[in-house]
């Protein structure tokens, strides 16, 4: 069940990243590209967590991927507000 839910969350993150990438191509605003990359990193993190499984305690290094994704989102917001 855990792997199924991780796969569903991964698919949702991939889809969200795809939509942000489409918005980037339409508007050429780098804000959407940052968000697309962040969601794709979250999808990667979910794939790793699903592959490792719940039986093994996930290593803290896996969560660095999530931290990087959140930092990308934070940087996108800062850059967007700074340019305005």
PDB file of N, CA and C in Angstrom:
ATOM      1  N   UNK A   1       0.824  -1.193   0.000  1.00  0.00           N
ATOM      2  CA  UNK A   1       0.000   0.000   0.000  1.00  0.00           C
ATOM      3  C   UNK A   1       0.867   1.255   0.000  1.00  0.00           C
ATOM      4  N   UNK A   2       1.963   1.237   0.763  1.00  0.00           N
ATOM      5  CA  UNK A   2       2.857   2.395   0.839  1.00  0.00           C
ATOM      6  C   UNK A   2       3.462   2.712  -0.523  1.00  0.00           C
ATOM      7  N   UNK A   3       3.868   1.675  -1.242  1.00  0.00           N
ATOM      8  CA  UNK A   3       4.454   1.888  -2.562  1.00  0.00           C
ATOM      9  C   UNK A   3       3.420   2.412  -3.545  1.00  0.00           C
ATOM     10  N   UNK A   4       2.190   1.954  -3.439  1.00  0.00           N
ATOM     11  CA  UNK A   4       1.125   2.448  -4.296  1.00  0.00           C
ATOM     12  C   UNK A   4       0.886   3.934  -4.070  1.00  0.00           C
ATOM     13  N   UNK A   5       0.808   4.342  -2.790  1.00  0.00           N
ATOM     14  CA  UNK A   5       0.590   5.753  -2.486  1.00  0.00           C
ATOM     15  C   UNK A   5       1.781   6.609  -2.899  1.00  0.00           C
ATOM     16  N   UNK A   6       2.983   6.096  -2.719  1.00  0.00           N
ATOM     17  CA  UNK A   6       4.160   6.833  -3.176  1.00  0.00           C
ATOM     18  C   UNK A   6       4.138   7.003  -4.691  1.00  0.00           C
ATOM     19  N   UNK A   7       3.702   5.978  -5.392  1.00  0.00           N
ATOM     20  CA  UNK A   7       3.589   6.074  -6.843  1.00  0.00           C
ATOM     21  C   UNK A   7       2.532   7.078  -7.272  1.00  0.00           C
ATOM     22  N   UNK A   8       1.414   7.119  -6.555  1.00  0.00           N
ATOM     23  CA  UNK A   8       0.358   8.080  -6.880  1.00  0.00           C
ATOM     24  C   UNK A   8       0.827   9.510  -6.625  1.00  0.00           C
ATOM     25  N   UNK A   9       1.529   9.736  -5.529  1.00  0.00           N
ATOM     26  CA  UNK A   9       2.058  11.071  -5.239  1.00  0.00           C
ATOM     27  C   UNK A   9       3.123  11.443  -6.251  1.00  0.00           C
ATOM     28  N   UNK A  10       3.948  10.491  -6.650  1.00  0.00           N
ATOM     29  CA  UNK A  10       4.964  10.746  -7.664  1.00  0.00           C
ATOM     30  C   UNK A  10       4.317  11.159  -8.982  1.00  0.00           C
ATOM     31  N   UNK A  11       3.263  10.461  -9.381  1.00  0.00           N
ATOM     32  CA  UNK A  11       2.565  10.799 -10.619  1.00  0.00           C
ATOM     33  C   UNK A  11       1.934  12.184 -10.538  1.00  0.00           C
ATOM     34  N   UNK A  12       1.389  12.534  -9.380  1.00  0.00           N
ATOM     35  CA  UNK A  12       0.804  13.867  -9.200  1.00  0.00           C
ATOM     36  C   UNK A  12       1.885  14.944  -9.301  1.00  0.00           C
ATOM     37  N   UNK A  13       3.051  14.692  -8.728  1.00  0.00           N
ATOM     38  CA  UNK A  13       4.146  15.664  -8.817  1.00  0.00           C
ATOM     39  C   UNK A  13       4.657  15.800 -10.243  1.00  0.00           C
ATOM     40  N   UNK A  14       4.758  14.685 -10.952  1.00  0.00           N
ATOM     41  CA  UNK A  14       5.165  14.749 -12.361  1.00  0.00           C
ATOM     42  C   UNK A  14       4.175  15.553 -13.190  1.00  0.00           C
ATOM     43  N   UNK A  15       2.892  15.356 -12.929  1.00  0.00           N
ATOM     44  CA  UNK A  15       1.856  16.084 -13.654  1.00  0.00           C
ATOM     45  C   UNK A  15       1.904  17.575 -13.345  1.00  0.00           C
ATOM     46  N   UNK A  16       2.062  17.916 -12.074  1.00  0.00           N
ATOM     47  CA  UNK A  16       2.154  19.326 -11.694  1.00  0.00           C
ATOM     48  C   UNK A  16       3.385  19.975 -12.338  1.00  0.00           C
ATOM     49  N   UNK A  17       4.505  19.266 -12.345  1.00  0.00           N
ATOM     50  CA  UNK A  17       5.703  19.775 -12.997  1.00  0.00           C
ATOM     51  C   UNK A  17       5.499  19.991 -14.477  1.00  0.00           C
ATOM     52  N   UNK A  18       4.784  19.071 -15.112  1.00  0.00           N
ATOM     53  CA  UNK A  18       4.494  19.210 -16.535  1.00  0.00           C
ATOM     54  C   UNK A  18       3.642  20.442 -16.805  1.00  0.00           C
ATOM     55  N   UNK A  19       2.625  20.690 -15.985  1.00  0.00           N
ATOM     56  CA  UNK A  19       1.779  21.864 -16.178  1.00  0.00           C
ATOM     57  C   UNK A  19       2.569  23.157 -15.967  1.00  0.00           C
ATOM     58  N   UNK A  20       3.424  23.190 -14.944  1.00  0.00           N
ATOM     59  CA  UNK A  20       4.249  24.381 -14.746  1.00  0.00           C
ATOM     60  C   UNK A  20       5.199  24.587 -15.915  1.00  0.00           C
ATOM     61  N   UNK A  21       5.718  23.493 -16.465  1.00  0.00           N
ATOM     62  CA  UNK A  21       6.597  23.619 -17.625  1.00  0.00           C
ATOM     63  C   UNK A  21       5.829  24.142 -18.829  1.00  0.00           C
ATOM     64  N   UNK A  22       4.586  23.721 -19.009  1.00  0.00           N
ATOM     65  CA  UNK A  22       3.763  24.261 -20.099  1.00  0.00           C
ATOM     66  C   UNK A  22       3.519  25.750 -19.921  1.00  0.00           C
ATOM     67  N   UNK A  23       3.259  26.175 -18.682  1.00  0.00           N
ATOM     68  CA  UNK A  23       3.077  27.605 -18.432  1.00  0.00           C
ATOM     69  C   UNK A  23       4.361  28.373 -18.723  1.00  0.00           C
ATOM     70  N   UNK A  24       5.506  27.764 -18.402  1.00  0.00           N
ATOM     71  CA  UNK A  24       6.788  28.410 -18.700  1.00  0.00           C
ATOM     72  C   UNK A  24       6.959  28.595 -20.203  1.00  0.00           C
ATOM     73  N   UNK A  25       6.644  27.573 -20.968  1.00  0.00           N
ATOM     74  CA  UNK A  25       6.797  27.687 -22.417  1.00  0.00           C
ATOM     75  C   UNK A  25       5.853  28.716 -23.015  1.00  0.00           C
ATOM     76  N   UNK A  26       4.693  28.888 -22.397  1.00  0.00           N
ATOM     77  CA  UNK A  26       3.725  29.859 -22.903  1.00  0.00           C
ATOM     78  C   UNK A  26       4.117  31.290 -22.533  1.00  0.00           C
ATOM     79  N   UNK A  27       4.621  31.488 -21.308  1.00  0.00           N
ATOM     80  CA  UNK A  27       4.894  32.841 -20.827  1.00  0.00           C
ATOM     81  C   UNK A  27       6.375  33.202 -20.781  1.00  0.00           C
ATOM     82  N   UNK A  28       7.252  32.244 -20.860  1.00  0.00           N
ATOM     83  CA  UNK A  28       8.710  32.382 -20.691  1.00  0.00           C
ATOM     84  C   UNK A  28       9.071  33.078 -19.372  1.00  0.00           C
ATOM     85  N   UNK A  29       8.261  32.878 -18.355  1.00  0.00           N
ATOM     86  CA  UNK A  29       8.541  33.386 -17.013  1.00  0.00           C
ATOM     87  C   UNK A  29       9.287  32.300 -16.247  1.00  0.00           C
ATOM     88  N   UNK A  30      10.487  32.618 -15.776  1.00  0.00           N
ATOM     89  CA  UNK A  30      11.323  31.607 -15.130  1.00  0.00           C
ATOM     90  C   UNK A  30      10.714  31.095 -13.822  1.00  0.00           C
ATOM     91  N   UNK A  31       9.761  31.833 -13.265  1.00  0.00           N
ATOM     92  CA  UNK A  31       9.069  31.395 -12.050  1.00  0.00           C
ATOM     93  C   UNK A  31       8.467  30.010 -12.247  1.00  0.00           C
ATOM     94  N   UNK A  32       7.839  29.783 -13.399  1.00  0.00           N
ATOM     95  CA  UNK A  32       7.207  28.496 -13.668  1.00  0.00           C
ATOM     96  C   UNK A  32       8.239  27.399 -13.888  1.00  0.00           C
ATOM     97  N   UNK A  33       9.379  27.749 -14.453  1.00  0.00           N
ATOM     98  CA  UNK A  33      10.432  26.755 -14.652  1.00  0.00           C
ATOM     99  C   UNK A  33      11.008  26.292 -13.310  1.00  0.00           C
ATOM    100  N   UNK A  34      11.176  27.208 -12.373  1.00  0.00           N
ATOM    101  CA  UNK A  34      11.656  26.852 -11.038  1.00  0.00           C
ATOM    102  C   UNK A  34      10.673  25.904 -10.368  1.00  0.00           C
ATOM    103  N   UNK A  35       9.374  26.214 -10.484  1.00  0.00           N
ATOM    104  CA  UNK A  35       8.363  25.360  -9.870  1.00  0.00           C
ATOM    105  C   UNK A  35       8.321  23.990 -10.551  1.00  0.00           C
ATOM    106  N   UNK A  36       8.454  23.949 -11.866  1.00  0.00           N
ATOM    107  CA  UNK A  36       8.465  22.660 -12.576  1.00  0.00           C
ATOM    108  C   UNK A  36       9.618  21.799 -12.080  1.00  0.00           C
ATOM    109  N   UNK A  37      10.793  22.392 -11.974  1.00  0.00           N
ATOM    110  CA  UNK A  37      11.951  21.633 -11.483  1.00  0.00           C
ATOM    111  C   UNK A  37      11.749  21.166 -10.047  1.00  0.00           C
ATOM    112  N   UNK A  38      11.132  21.997  -9.231  1.00  0.00           N
ATOM    113  CA  UNK A  38      10.883  21.613  -7.837  1.00  0.00           C
ATOM    114  C   UNK A  38       9.938  20.417  -7.767  1.00  0.00           C
ATOM    115  N   UNK A  39       8.880  20.443  -8.551  1.00  0.00           N
ATOM    116  CA  UNK A  39       7.941  19.318  -8.518  1.00  0.00           C
ATOM    117  C   UNK A  39       8.560  18.054  -9.103  1.00  0.00           C
ATOM    118  N   UNK A  40       9.418  18.194 -10.091  1.00  0.00           N
ATOM    119  CA  UNK A  40      10.093  17.007 -10.622  1.00  0.00           C
ATOM    120  C   UNK A  40      11.063  16.436  -9.592  1.00  0.00           C
ATOM    121  N   UNK A  41      11.678  17.298  -8.794  1.00  0.00           N
ATOM    122  CA  UNK A  41      12.545  16.791  -7.721  1.00  0.00           C
ATOM    123  C   UNK A  41      11.721  16.079  -6.657  1.00  0.00           C
ATOM    124  N   UNK A  42      10.533  16.608  -6.350  1.00  0.00           N
ATOM    125  CA  UNK A  42       9.655  15.922  -5.396  1.00  0.00           C
ATOM    126  C   UNK A  42       9.210  14.563  -5.944  1.00  0.00           C
ATOM    127  N   UNK A  43       8.993  14.480  -7.248  1.00  0.00           N
ATOM    128  CA  UNK A  43       8.643  13.196  -7.853  1.00  0.00           C
ATOM    129  C   UNK A  43       9.800  12.212  -7.733  1.00  0.00           C
ATOM    130  N   UNK A  44      11.013  12.696  -7.936  1.00  0.00           N
ATOM    131  CA  UNK A  44      12.189  11.842  -7.787  1.00  0.00           C
ATOM    132  C   UNK A  44      12.313  11.332  -6.352  1.00  0.00           C
ATOM    133  N   UNK A  45      12.072  12.224  -5.389  1.00  0.00           N
ATOM    134  CA  UNK A  45      12.151  11.822  -3.988  1.00  0.00           C
ATOM    135  C   UNK A  45      11.112  10.753  -3.663  1.00  0.00           C
ATOM    136  N   UNK A  46       9.906  10.892  -4.188  1.00  0.00           N
ATOM    137  CA  UNK A  46       8.856   9.891  -3.966  1.00  0.00           C
ATOM    138  C   UNK A  46       9.209   8.566  -4.622  1.00  0.00           C
ATOM    139  N   UNK A  47       9.835   8.625  -5.789  1.00  0.00           N
ATOM    140  CA  UNK A  47      10.253   7.389  -6.457  1.00  0.00           C
ATOM    141  C   UNK A  47      11.293   6.658  -5.615  1.00  0.00           C
ATOM    142  N   UNK A  48      12.232   7.399  -5.057  1.00  0.00           N
ATOM    143  CA  UNK A  48      13.264   6.781  -4.220  1.00  0.00           C
ATOM    144  C   UNK A  48      12.634   6.198  -2.957  1.00  0.00           C
ATOM    145  N   UNK A  49      11.723   6.960  -2.329  1.00  0.00           N
ATOM    146  CA  UNK A  49      11.065   6.449  -1.123  1.00  0.00           C
ATOM    147  C   UNK A  49      10.216   5.213  -1.424  1.00  0.00           C
ATOM    148  N   UNK A  50       9.553   5.190  -2.563  1.00  0.00           N
ATOM    149  CA  UNK A  50       8.763   4.018  -2.934  1.00  0.00           C
ATOM    150  C   UNK A  50       9.634   2.817  -3.231  1.00  0.00           C
ATOM    151  N   UNK A  51      10.800   3.061  -3.818  1.00  0.00           N
ATOM    152  CA  UNK A  51      11.700   1.967  -4.162  1.00  0.00           C
ATOM    153  C   UNK A  51      12.349   1.388  -2.902  1.00  0.00           C
ATOM    154  N   UNK A  52      12.732   2.259  -1.971  1.00  0.00           N
ATOM    155  CA  UNK A  52      13.357   1.792  -0.733  1.00  0.00           C
ATOM    156  C   UNK A  52      12.349   1.012   0.098  1.00  0.00           C
ATOM    157  N   UNK A  53      11.115   1.502   0.128  1.00  0.00           N
ATOM    158  CA  UNK A  53      10.075   0.799   0.855  1.00  0.00           C
ATOM    159  C   UNK A  53      10.009   1.213   2.313  1.00  0.00           C
ATOM    160  N   UNK A  54       8.961   0.789   2.937  1.00  0.00           N
ATOM    161  CA  UNK A  54       8.729   1.159   4.329  1.00  0.00           C
ATOM    162  C   UNK A  54       9.460   0.219   5.290  1.00  0.00           C
ATOM    163  N   UNK A  55       9.867  -0.937   4.794  1.00  0.00           N
ATOM    164  CA  UNK A  55      10.530  -1.901   5.660  1.00  0.00           C
ATOM    165  C   UNK A  55      11.863  -1.357   6.167  1.00  0.00           C
ATOM    166  N   UNK A  56      12.591  -0.697   5.273  1.00  0.00           N
ATOM    167  CA  UNK A  56      13.849  -0.087   5.679  1.00  0.00           C
ATOM    168  C   UNK A  56      13.570   1.355   6.085  1.00  0.00           C
ATOM    169  N   UNK A  57      14.199   1.777   7.133  1.00  0.00           N
ATOM    170  CA  UNK A  57      14.058   3.174   7.542  1.00  0.00           C
ATOM    171  C   UNK A  57      14.795   4.031   6.517  1.00  0.00           C
ATOM    172  N   UNK A  58      14.095   4.998   5.902  1.00  0.00           N
ATOM    173  CA  UNK A  58      14.754   5.824   4.877  1.00  0.00           C
ATOM    174  C   UNK A  58      15.949   6.590   5.447  1.00  0.00           C
ATOM    175  N   UNK A  59      16.958   6.663   4.653  1.00  0.00           N
ATOM    176  CA  UNK A  59      18.161   7.374   5.041  1.00  0.00           C
ATOM    177  C   UNK A  59      17.911   8.881   4.987  1.00  0.00           C
ATOM    178  N   UNK A  60      18.542   9.650   5.859  1.00  0.00           N
ATOM    179  CA  UNK A  60      18.335  11.101   5.844  1.00  0.00           C
ATOM    180  C   UNK A  60      18.768  11.760   4.534  1.00  0.00           C
ATOM    181  N   UNK A  61      19.671  11.117   3.806  1.00  0.00           N
ATOM    182  CA  UNK A  61      20.132  11.694   2.541  1.00  0.00           C
ATOM    183  C   UNK A  61      19.000  11.795   1.523  1.00  0.00           C
ATOM    184  N   UNK A  62      18.028  10.910   1.630  1.00  0.00           N
ATOM    185  CA  UNK A  62      16.895  10.948   0.710  1.00  0.00           C
ATOM    186  C   UNK A  62      16.116  12.243   0.885  1.00  0.00           C
ATOM    187  N   UNK A  63      16.030  12.700   2.100  1.00  0.00           N
ATOM    188  CA  UNK A  63      15.258  13.906   2.371  1.00  0.00           C
ATOM    189  C   UNK A  63      15.972  15.173   1.916  1.00  0.00           C
ATOM    190  N   UNK A  64      17.245  15.072   1.559  1.00  0.00           N
ATOM    191  CA  UNK A  64      17.932  16.222   0.971  1.00  0.00           C
ATOM    192  C   UNK A  64      17.327  16.578  -0.384  1.00  0.00           C
ATOM    193  N   UNK A  65      16.779  15.597  -1.076  1.00  0.00           N
ATOM    194  CA  UNK A  65      16.102  15.870  -2.343  1.00  0.00           C
ATOM    195  C   UNK A  65      14.882  16.746  -2.080  1.00  0.00           C
ATOM    196  N   UNK A  66      14.126  16.420  -1.045  1.00  0.00           N
ATOM    197  CA  UNK A  66      12.941  17.215  -0.693  1.00  0.00           C
ATOM    198  C   UNK A  66      13.348  18.619  -0.261  1.00  0.00           C
ATOM    199  N   UNK A  67      14.421  18.717   0.517  1.00  0.00           N
ATOM    200  CA  UNK A  67      14.914  20.025   0.941  1.00  0.00           C
ATOM    201  C   UNK A  67      15.304  20.873  -0.265  1.00  0.00           C
ATOM    202  N   UNK A  68      15.971  20.257  -1.237  1.00  0.00           N
ATOM    203  CA  UNK A  68      16.356  20.981  -2.440  1.00  0.00           C
ATOM    204  C   UNK A  68      15.135  21.474  -3.200  1.00  0.00           C
ATOM    205  N   UNK A  69      14.101  20.659  -3.283  1.00  0.00           N
ATOM    206  CA  UNK A  69      12.874  21.071  -3.973  1.00  0.00           C
ATOM    207  C   UNK A  69      12.224  22.257  -3.275  1.00  0.00           C
ATOM    208  N   UNK A  70      12.175  22.224  -1.952  1.00  0.00           N
ATOM    209  CA  UNK A  70      11.582  23.344  -1.218  1.00  0.00           C
ATOM    210  C   UNK A  70      12.432  24.604  -1.348  1.00  0.00           C
ATOM    211  N   UNK A  71      13.746  24.449  -1.402  1.00  0.00           N
ATOM    212  CA  UNK A  71      14.607  25.610  -1.618  1.00  0.00           C
ATOM    213  C   UNK A  71      14.407  26.197  -3.008  1.00  0.00           C
ATOM    214  N   UNK A  72      14.162  25.348  -4.002  1.00  0.00           N
ATOM    215  CA  UNK A  72      13.860  25.852  -5.346  1.00  0.00           C
ATOM    216  C   UNK A  72      12.576  26.678  -5.341  1.00  0.00           C
ATOM    217  N   UNK A  73      11.563  26.208  -4.631  1.00  0.00           N
ATOM    218  CA  UNK A  73      10.307  26.957  -4.539  1.00  0.00           C
ATOM    219  C   UNK A  73      10.547  28.288  -3.836  1.00  0.00           C
ATOM    220  N   UNK A  74      11.313  28.259  -2.754  1.00  0.00           N
ATOM    221  CA  UNK A  74      11.608  29.488  -2.029  1.00  0.00           C
ATOM    222  C   UNK A  74      12.379  30.474  -2.905  1.00  0.00           C
ATOM    223  N   UNK A  75      13.356  29.982  -3.653  1.00  0.00           N
ATOM    224  CA  UNK A  75      14.123  30.857  -4.542  1.00  0.00           C
ATOM    225  C   UNK A  75      13.246  31.447  -5.642  1.00  0.00           C
ATOM    226  N   UNK A  76      12.313  30.664  -6.154  1.00  0.00           N
ATOM    227  CA  UNK A  76      11.402  31.168  -7.192  1.00  0.00           C
ATOM    228  C   UNK A  76      10.560  32.311  -6.649  1.00  0.00           C
ATOM    229  N   UNK A  77      10.058  32.162  -5.432  1.00  0.00           N
ATOM    230  CA  UNK A  77       9.232  33.211  -4.827  1.00  0.00           C
ATOM    231  C   UNK A  77      10.068  34.458  -4.566  1.00  0.00           C
ATOM    232  N   UNK A  78      11.272  34.281  -4.058  1.00  0.00           N
ATOM    233  CA  UNK A  78      12.142  35.432  -3.786  1.00  0.00           C
ATOM    234  C   UNK A  78      12.491  36.159  -5.076  1.00  0.00           C
ATOM    235  N   UNK A  79      12.856  35.410  -6.118  1.00  0.00           N
ATOM    236  CA  UNK A  79      13.203  36.042  -7.397  1.00  0.00           C
ATOM    237  C   UNK A  79      12.017  36.772  -8.012  1.00  0.00           C
ATOM    238  N   UNK A  80      10.846  36.199  -7.916  1.00  0.00           N
ATOM    239  CA  UNK A  80       9.658  36.823  -8.480  1.00  0.00           C
ATOM    240  C   UNK A  80       9.324  38.133  -7.755  1.00  0.00           C
ATOM    241  N   UNK A  81       9.426  38.132  -6.433  1.00  0.00           N
ATOM    242  CA  UNK A  81       9.122  39.343  -5.674  1.00  0.00           C
ATOM    243  C   UNK A  81      10.225  40.386  -5.787  1.00  0.00           C
ATOM    244  N   UNK A  82      11.427  39.967  -5.991  1.00  0.00           N
ATOM    245  CA  UNK A  82      12.551  40.895  -6.133  1.00  0.00           C
ATOM    246  C   UNK A  82      12.475  41.639  -7.465  1.00  0.00           C
ATOM    247  N   UNK A  83      12.097  40.939  -8.531  1.00  0.00           N
ATOM    248  CA  UNK A  83      12.011  41.565  -9.848  1.00  0.00           C
ATOM    249  C   UNK A  83      10.810  42.508  -9.955  1.00  0.00           C
ATOM    250  N   UNK A  84       9.793  42.279  -9.157  1.00  0.00           N
ATOM    251  CA  UNK A  84       8.622  43.146  -9.225  1.00  0.00           C
ATOM    252  C   UNK A  84       8.894  44.421  -8.489  1.00  0.00           C
TER     253      UNK A  84
END
